[in-house]
Amino acid sequence: MDIENIFKDLGGIFITPAKQIEASLAGIRVFIFDWDGVFNSGVKTGETGSPYSEIDSMGINMLRFSYYLRYGHIPLLFIITGMNNQTALDFSKREHFDGIFMNLKNKRSALESINENFRITPDEAAFFFDDIIDIEVAMKCKLSFFVNNRSNPLLFNYVRTNNIASYISGSSAGCHAVREICELLTGLNGNYNQTVEARSRFTGIYEEYQKARNEIATKSIMF
């Protein structure tokens, strides 16, 4: 499967070659997701938060399952949001993320907290991001994935020319960019077909994975 060209045809841009991303994936122990502008278009709806997509949710679950199949463990997952976002909290609990950082203005604090509590360094982290306030974290992490938004061509150029992201999504914010990036990473893990086939049966190894995933209790970390 020519994964790199499949995603280039979609409009994705590899700043880091696909083979190099693939080589780095084995060392990734945590995936960190910004919320607004990554899971959605960035539109907020007051105190209720902002939405997500089941399509993106499936992509994340398949990425976790892919890791479980290949390495025998589930990678850590965290969400970062700058507000007290009930929707993001509900989603992270439903999907059994390891934690959610809420009301966090300086996102570097999330990296420091993960390192302190889980002994995971930025060299073992991958970050999904979309905007200026995310750049410091993106530059520290081993892998970073920029969600494209066609309304900010200068930021797009800045991220690209300064090699801030490993990959820039072809899909824009609010159009399932998380799923695109998760599909890319599952493909680069080398077991996409196995992951899909085992998930579609919903028996055996997937039941084992799901039981382990559902035992994860999400920590809500307020700043």
Protein backbone atom coordinates (compact mmCIF):
# COMPACT_ATOMS: atom_id res chain seq x y z
CA MET A 1 0.00 0.00 0.00
CA ASP A 2 1.49 3.37 -1.04
CA ILE A 3 0.34 5.25 2.05
CA GLU A 4 2.28 8.44 1.39
CA ASN A 5 0.76 8.97 -2.07
CA ILE A 6 -2.74 8.08 -0.88
CA PHE A 7 -2.58 10.92 1.64
CA LYS A 8 -0.85 13.30 -0.73
CA ASP A 9 -3.73 12.72 -3.17
CA LEU A 10 -6.08 13.77 -0.36
CA GLY A 11 -4.16 17.03 -0.05
CA GLY A 12 -2.02 16.07 2.94
CA ILE A 13 1.50 17.45 3.16
CA PHE A 14 4.40 15.47 4.61
CA ILE A 15 6.95 17.80 6.14
CA THR A 16 8.56 14.75 7.70
CA PRO A 17 8.77 11.84 5.22
CA ALA A 18 6.24 9.08 5.87
CA LYS A 19 9.01 6.53 6.48
CA GLN A 20 10.50 8.73 9.18
CA ILE A 21 7.10 9.19 10.86
CA GLU A 22 6.66 5.42 10.71
CA ALA A 23 10.02 4.90 12.42
CA SER A 24 9.10 7.32 15.20
CA LEU A 25 5.72 5.74 15.96
CA ALA A 26 7.19 2.81 17.90
CA GLY A 27 8.56 5.25 20.47
CA ILE A 28 5.34 7.22 20.91
CA ARG A 29 3.69 6.55 24.27
CA VAL A 30 1.18 9.39 24.41
CA PHE A 31 -1.14 11.18 21.95
CA ILE A 32 -2.25 14.66 22.95
CA PHE A 33 -5.15 16.42 21.24
CA ASP A 34 -6.01 20.08 21.26
CA TRP A 35 -9.82 20.38 21.15
CA ASP A 36 -11.22 23.47 19.40
CA GLY A 37 -10.14 23.69 15.79
CA VAL A 38 -9.05 20.04 15.84
CA PHE A 39 -12.21 18.10 16.66
CA ASN A 40 -14.41 20.87 15.28
CA SER A 41 -14.34 24.11 13.32
CA GLY A 42 -13.55 26.14 16.42
CA VAL A 43 -17.09 27.44 16.94
CA LYS A 44 -18.05 27.48 20.62
CA THR A 45 -21.55 27.19 22.08
CA GLY A 46 -21.12 28.80 25.48
CA GLU A 47 -20.80 26.69 28.61
CA THR A 48 -21.92 23.51 26.87
CA GLY A 49 -18.61 23.41 25.02
CA SER A 50 -18.03 22.58 21.36
CA PRO A 51 -18.81 19.48 19.31
CA TYR A 52 -16.98 16.40 18.08
CA SER A 53 -17.59 13.80 15.39
CA GLU A 54 -18.19 10.08 15.70
CA ILE A 55 -16.05 9.72 12.59
CA ASP A 56 -13.07 11.18 14.45
CA SER A 57 -13.92 9.08 17.49
CA MET A 58 -13.70 5.89 15.44
CA GLY A 59 -10.35 6.98 14.03
CA ILE A 60 -8.90 7.45 17.52
CA ASN A 61 -10.24 4.11 18.69
CA MET A 62 -8.72 2.35 15.71
CA LEU A 63 -5.36 4.03 16.33
CA ARG A 64 -5.39 2.83 19.94
CA PHE A 65 -6.42 -0.67 18.86
CA SER A 66 -3.68 -0.68 16.22
CA TYR A 67 -1.13 0.00 18.96
CA TYR A 68 -2.64 -2.71 21.12
CA LEU A 69 -2.34 -5.23 18.30
CA ARG A 70 1.25 -4.32 17.51
CA TYR A 71 2.75 -3.56 20.92
CA GLY A 72 0.39 -5.20 23.41
CA HIS A 73 -0.52 -1.99 25.22
CA ILE A 74 -2.76 1.05 24.78
CA PRO A 75 -1.01 4.42 24.38
CA LEU A 76 -1.92 7.23 26.74
CA LEU A 77 -4.40 9.81 25.42
CA PHE A 78 -5.06 13.35 26.64
CA ILE A 79 -7.19 16.29 25.55
CA ILE A 80 -6.21 19.92 26.13
CA THR A 81 -8.86 22.62 26.10
CA GLY A 82 -8.59 26.25 27.10
CA MET A 83 -12.07 26.36 28.60
CA ASN A 84 -14.23 24.43 31.02
CA ASN A 85 -15.66 22.31 28.21
CA GLN A 86 -18.38 19.88 29.28
CA THR A 87 -18.63 18.28 25.84
CA ALA A 88 -14.89 17.53 25.73
CA LEU A 89 -15.08 16.15 29.27
CA ASP A 90 -18.02 13.89 28.39
CA PHE A 91 -16.23 12.66 25.27
CA SER A 92 -12.98 11.93 27.09
CA LYS A 93 -14.85 9.93 29.76
CA ARG A 94 -16.93 8.04 27.21
CA GLU A 95 -13.82 7.08 25.25
CA HIS A 96 -11.75 6.42 28.37
CA PHE A 97 -8.98 8.90 27.67
CA ASP A 98 -6.36 9.00 30.40
CA GLY A 99 -7.00 12.64 31.13
CA ILE A 100 -8.30 16.01 30.04
CA PHE A 101 -6.67 19.34 30.84
CA MET A 102 -9.33 22.04 31.06
CA ASN A 103 -9.15 25.81 31.37
CA LEU A 104 -5.50 25.56 30.37
CA LYS A 105 -4.03 28.71 28.86
CA ASN A 106 -0.36 27.68 28.76
CA LYS A 107 -0.35 24.28 27.08
CA ARG A 108 3.25 23.61 28.02
CA SER A 109 1.87 22.90 31.50
CA ALA A 110 0.14 19.80 30.13
CA LEU A 111 3.45 18.38 28.89
CA GLU A 112 5.04 19.08 32.26
CA SER A 113 2.17 17.38 34.08
CA ILE A 114 2.30 14.29 31.84
CA ASN A 115 6.05 14.04 32.36
CA GLU A 116 5.71 14.41 36.14
CA ASN A 117 2.86 11.93 36.56
CA PHE A 118 3.60 9.37 33.85
CA ARG A 119 7.35 9.76 33.27
CA ILE A 120 6.82 10.46 29.58
CA THR A 121 9.03 12.98 27.80
CA PRO A 122 8.10 15.13 24.78
CA ASP A 123 10.25 12.78 22.66
CA GLU A 124 7.60 10.12 23.35
CA ALA A 125 4.65 12.39 22.53
CA ALA A 126 2.55 13.14 19.45
CA PHE A 127 0.41 16.28 19.33
CA PHE A 128 -2.61 17.23 17.19
CA PHE A 129 -2.94 21.02 16.91
CA ASP A 130 -4.31 23.88 14.83
CA ASP A 131 -3.25 27.35 15.97
CA ILE A 132 -0.64 29.77 17.23
CA ILE A 133 -1.04 29.02 20.95
CA ASP A 134 -0.19 25.37 20.23
CA ILE A 135 3.13 25.98 18.49
CA GLU A 136 5.39 25.74 21.55
CA VAL A 137 4.05 22.27 22.41
CA ALA A 138 4.13 21.18 18.77
CA MET A 139 7.81 22.07 18.52
CA LYS A 140 8.66 20.10 21.66
CA CYS A 141 6.87 16.87 20.70
CA LYS A 142 8.49 14.12 18.65
CA LEU A 143 5.58 14.12 16.18
CA SER A 144 3.05 16.86 15.57
CA PHE A 145 0.08 17.07 13.22
CA PHE A 146 -1.33 20.37 12.02
CA VAL A 147 -5.04 20.52 11.20
CA ASN A 148 -5.38 22.65 8.10
CA ASN A 149 -7.69 25.66 8.11
CA ARG A 150 -7.83 27.48 4.79
CA SER A 151 -8.63 30.80 6.47
CA ASN A 152 -5.06 31.15 7.81
CA PRO A 153 -2.72 30.80 4.82
CA LEU A 154 0.08 32.74 6.52
CA LEU A 155 0.02 30.47 9.56
CA PHE A 156 -0.05 27.47 7.23
CA ASN A 157 3.05 28.83 5.50
CA TYR A 158 4.72 29.56 8.86
CA VAL A 159 4.14 26.01 10.12
CA ARG A 160 5.32 24.53 6.84
CA THR A 161 8.45 26.61 6.32
CA ASN A 162 9.56 26.28 9.95
CA ASN A 163 9.02 22.49 10.04
CA ILE A 164 6.70 22.78 13.05
CA ALA A 165 4.47 19.88 12.00
CA SER A 166 5.35 16.39 10.83
CA TYR A 167 2.24 16.33 8.64
CA ILE A 168 -0.43 18.85 7.60
CA SER A 169 -3.90 17.44 7.04
CA GLY A 170 -5.65 17.65 3.71
CA SER A 171 -8.99 17.85 5.53
CA SER A 172 -9.83 21.15 7.15
CA ALA A 173 -10.92 21.78 10.72
CA GLY A 174 -14.46 20.48 11.24
CA CYS A 175 -14.17 18.03 8.32
CA HIS A 176 -12.79 15.00 10.17
CA ALA A 177 -9.09 15.87 10.08
CA VAL A 178 -8.56 13.81 13.23
CA ARG A 179 -9.82 10.72 11.41
CA GLU A 180 -7.50 11.46 8.48
CA ILE A 181 -4.43 11.69 10.71
CA CYS A 182 -5.42 8.62 12.75
CA GLU A 183 -5.89 6.63 9.54
CA LEU A 184 -2.45 7.76 8.40
CA LEU A 185 -0.84 6.65 11.65
CA THR A 186 -2.69 3.34 11.73
CA GLY A 187 -1.54 2.71 8.16
CA LEU A 188 2.05 3.57 9.05
CA ASN A 189 1.80 1.18 12.00
CA GLY A 190 1.64 -1.51 9.32
CA ASN A 191 -1.54 -3.22 10.48
CA TYR A 192 -4.45 -1.23 9.05
CA ASN A 193 -6.21 -4.23 7.48
CA GLN A 194 -5.73 -6.35 10.58
CA THR A 195 -7.11 -3.53 12.74
CA VAL A 196 -10.22 -3.12 10.59
CA GLU A 197 -10.87 -6.84 10.30
CA ALA A 198 -10.46 -7.51 14.04
CA ARG A 199 -12.68 -4.53 14.93
CA SER A 200 -15.43 -5.47 12.49
CA ARG A 201 -15.78 -8.90 14.11
CA PHE A 202 -16.05 -7.40 17.61
CA THR A 203 -14.79 -10.65 19.14
CA GLY A 204 -11.56 -12.12 20.45
CA ILE A 205 -8.68 -9.66 20.54
CA TYR A 206 -10.97 -6.64 20.15
CA GLU A 207 -12.99 -7.67 23.20
CA GLU A 208 -9.74 -8.02 25.12
CA TYR A 209 -8.63 -4.55 24.01
CA GLN A 210 -12.02 -3.00 24.78
CA LYS A 211 -12.01 -4.43 28.30
CA ALA A 212 -8.56 -2.95 28.93
CA ARG A 213 -9.60 0.39 27.44
CA ASN A 214 -12.80 0.58 29.48
CA GLU A 215 -10.86 0.11 32.70
CA ILE A 216 -9.10 3.45 32.13
CA ALA A 217 -10.52 6.11 34.45
CA THR A 218 -10.31 9.60 32.96
CA LYS A 219 -8.65 12.23 35.14
CA SER A 220 -10.01 15.77 34.87
CA ILE A 221 -7.21 18.24 35.48
CA MET A 222 -8.35 21.84 36.05
CA PHE A 223 -6.11 24.91 35.83
